Amino acid sequence: MLTLKSNCENCLKPLPHDSDEAMICSYECTFCADCVENILNQKCPNCGGNFEKRPKRID
């Protein structure tokens, strides 16, 4: 099961389970869309992978 982190790993912005702004890499590193676009240039600083929008959890 996907581990939903509750904050951006860069700016600590809250990213609740239903957030439209959460982005993850294949290792589930979690960042907000603003950091991914404007600071990280679409590349994960932890693993070098790219980002996708995090799926929403319905529960």
N, C-alpha and C. Protein backbone atom coordinates (compact mmCIF):
# COMPACT_ATOMS: atom_id res chain seq x y z
N MET A 1 0.84 -1.18 0.00
CA MET A 1 0.00 0.00 0.00
C MET A 1 0.89 1.24 0.00
N LEU A 2 0.47 2.25 -0.71
CA LEU A 2 1.18 3.51 -0.81
C LEU A 2 1.19 4.22 0.54
N THR A 3 2.35 4.69 0.95
CA THR A 3 2.47 5.46 2.19
C THR A 3 2.27 6.93 1.85
N LEU A 4 1.18 7.52 2.33
CA LEU A 4 0.90 8.92 2.04
C LEU A 4 1.54 9.81 3.09
N LYS A 5 2.59 10.50 2.68
CA LYS A 5 3.25 11.45 3.59
C LYS A 5 2.42 12.71 3.65
N SER A 6 2.38 13.33 4.80
CA SER A 6 1.46 14.44 5.02
C SER A 6 2.04 15.82 4.78
N ASN A 7 3.33 15.90 4.42
CA ASN A 7 3.96 17.20 4.18
C ASN A 7 4.95 17.11 3.03
N CYS A 8 5.18 18.25 2.38
CA CYS A 8 6.22 18.36 1.36
C CYS A 8 7.57 18.16 2.04
N GLU A 9 8.43 17.35 1.45
CA GLU A 9 9.76 17.10 2.03
C GLU A 9 10.69 18.29 1.88
N ASN A 10 10.32 19.29 1.09
CA ASN A 10 11.17 20.46 0.91
C ASN A 10 10.70 21.64 1.77
N CYS A 11 9.45 22.05 1.60
CA CYS A 11 8.96 23.26 2.29
C CYS A 11 8.04 22.96 3.46
N LEU A 12 7.72 21.70 3.69
CA LEU A 12 6.86 21.23 4.78
C LEU A 12 5.40 21.65 4.64
N LYS A 13 5.00 22.07 3.45
CA LYS A 13 3.60 22.42 3.20
C LYS A 13 2.72 21.20 3.50
N PRO A 14 1.61 21.39 4.19
CA PRO A 14 0.70 20.27 4.45
C PRO A 14 0.12 19.69 3.15
N LEU A 15 0.15 18.37 3.04
CA LEU A 15 -0.39 17.67 1.87
C LEU A 15 -1.31 16.55 2.38
N PRO A 16 -2.55 16.92 2.74
CA PRO A 16 -3.48 15.90 3.24
C PRO A 16 -3.78 14.85 2.18
N HIS A 17 -4.39 13.75 2.59
CA HIS A 17 -4.62 12.62 1.69
C HIS A 17 -5.43 12.96 0.45
N ASP A 18 -6.20 14.04 0.49
CA ASP A 18 -7.02 14.42 -0.66
C ASP A 18 -6.44 15.61 -1.45
N SER A 19 -5.16 15.92 -1.22
CA SER A 19 -4.53 17.08 -1.86
C SER A 19 -4.33 16.88 -3.36
N ASP A 20 -4.62 17.93 -4.12
CA ASP A 20 -4.36 17.94 -5.55
C ASP A 20 -2.93 18.39 -5.85
N GLU A 21 -2.21 18.83 -4.84
CA GLU A 21 -0.88 19.39 -5.03
C GLU A 21 0.25 18.40 -4.76
N ALA A 22 -0.05 17.22 -4.23
CA ALA A 22 1.00 16.27 -3.86
C ALA A 22 1.56 15.56 -5.09
N MET A 23 2.88 15.52 -5.16
CA MET A 23 3.60 14.84 -6.24
C MET A 23 4.52 13.81 -5.61
N ILE A 24 4.65 12.62 -6.26
CA ILE A 24 5.52 11.58 -5.74
C ILE A 24 6.41 11.03 -6.85
N CYS A 25 7.55 10.46 -6.44
CA CYS A 25 8.41 9.73 -7.37
C CYS A 25 8.13 8.24 -7.15
N SER A 26 8.85 7.38 -7.83
CA SER A 26 8.60 5.94 -7.72
C SER A 26 8.98 5.38 -6.34
N TYR A 27 9.75 6.12 -5.57
CA TYR A 27 10.10 5.70 -4.20
C TYR A 27 9.20 6.35 -3.16
N GLU A 28 8.17 7.03 -3.60
CA GLU A 28 7.19 7.70 -2.74
C GLU A 28 7.74 8.92 -2.02
N CYS A 29 8.84 9.48 -2.53
CA CYS A 29 9.29 10.78 -2.03
C CYS A 29 8.16 11.74 -2.37
N THR A 30 7.82 12.62 -1.46
CA THR A 30 6.63 13.46 -1.61
C THR A 30 6.98 14.93 -1.53
N PHE A 31 6.55 15.68 -2.54
CA PHE A 31 6.78 17.11 -2.60
C PHE A 31 5.52 17.80 -3.12
N CYS A 32 5.38 19.09 -2.82
CA CYS A 32 4.24 19.84 -3.36
C CYS A 32 4.54 20.21 -4.82
N ALA A 33 3.49 20.46 -5.57
CA ALA A 33 3.62 20.78 -6.99
C ALA A 33 4.48 22.02 -7.21
N ASP A 34 4.38 23.00 -6.32
CA ASP A 34 5.17 24.23 -6.46
C ASP A 34 6.66 23.94 -6.36
N CYS A 35 7.07 23.15 -5.38
CA CYS A 35 8.49 22.80 -5.23
C CYS A 35 8.97 21.96 -6.42
N VAL A 36 8.17 21.01 -6.85
CA VAL A 36 8.55 20.16 -7.98
C VAL A 36 8.80 21.01 -9.23
N GLU A 37 7.92 21.96 -9.48
CA GLU A 37 8.00 22.78 -10.69
C GLU A 37 9.08 23.86 -10.61
N ASN A 38 9.11 24.58 -9.48
CA ASN A 38 9.93 25.79 -9.40
C ASN A 38 11.29 25.63 -8.73
N ILE A 39 11.47 24.58 -7.94
CA ILE A 39 12.72 24.41 -7.22
C ILE A 39 13.46 23.15 -7.68
N LEU A 40 12.72 22.05 -7.83
CA LEU A 40 13.34 20.77 -8.13
C LEU A 40 13.45 20.47 -9.62
N ASN A 41 12.82 21.29 -10.45
CA ASN A 41 12.86 21.11 -11.91
C ASN A 41 12.46 19.70 -12.35
N GLN A 42 11.39 19.19 -11.72
CA GLN A 42 10.80 17.89 -12.09
C GLN A 42 11.72 16.70 -11.83
N LYS A 43 12.75 16.85 -10.99
CA LYS A 43 13.67 15.75 -10.70
C LYS A 43 13.79 15.57 -9.20
N CYS A 44 13.55 14.35 -8.73
CA CYS A 44 13.61 14.06 -7.30
C CYS A 44 15.05 14.22 -6.79
N PRO A 45 15.25 15.02 -5.73
CA PRO A 45 16.61 15.21 -5.21
C PRO A 45 17.11 13.98 -4.45
N ASN A 46 16.22 13.08 -4.07
CA ASN A 46 16.61 11.89 -3.31
C ASN A 46 17.05 10.74 -4.21
N CYS A 47 16.34 10.53 -5.31
CA CYS A 47 16.62 9.35 -6.15
C CYS A 47 16.86 9.69 -7.62
N GLY A 48 16.63 10.94 -8.03
CA GLY A 48 16.85 11.34 -9.40
C GLY A 48 15.70 11.04 -10.34
N GLY A 49 14.63 10.45 -9.81
CA GLY A 49 13.48 10.09 -10.65
C GLY A 49 12.58 11.28 -10.96
N ASN A 50 11.61 11.03 -11.83
CA ASN A 50 10.64 12.08 -12.16
C ASN A 50 9.42 11.95 -11.25
N PHE A 51 8.51 12.89 -11.35
CA PHE A 51 7.34 12.94 -10.47
C PHE A 51 6.04 12.71 -11.23
N GLU A 52 5.08 12.19 -10.49
CA GLU A 52 3.70 12.02 -10.96
C GLU A 52 2.79 12.55 -9.87
N LYS A 53 1.60 12.93 -10.25
CA LYS A 53 0.61 13.37 -9.28
C LYS A 53 0.26 12.20 -8.37
N ARG A 54 0.24 12.43 -7.07
CA ARG A 54 -0.08 11.37 -6.11
C ARG A 54 -1.55 11.03 -6.20
N PRO A 55 -1.90 9.74 -6.27
CA PRO A 55 -3.31 9.38 -6.29
C PRO A 55 -3.98 9.74 -4.97
N LYS A 56 -5.26 10.03 -5.02
CA LYS A 56 -6.02 10.37 -3.81
C LYS A 56 -6.52 9.12 -3.13
N ARG A 57 -6.51 9.14 -1.83
CA ARG A 57 -7.07 8.06 -1.02
C ARG A 57 -8.50 8.44 -0.68
N ILE A 58 -9.40 7.52 -0.87
CA ILE A 58 -10.83 7.81 -0.70
C ILE A 58 -11.30 7.65 0.75
N ASP A 59 -10.54 6.98 1.60
CA ASP A 59 -11.03 6.71 2.96
C ASP A 59 -10.85 7.82 3.93
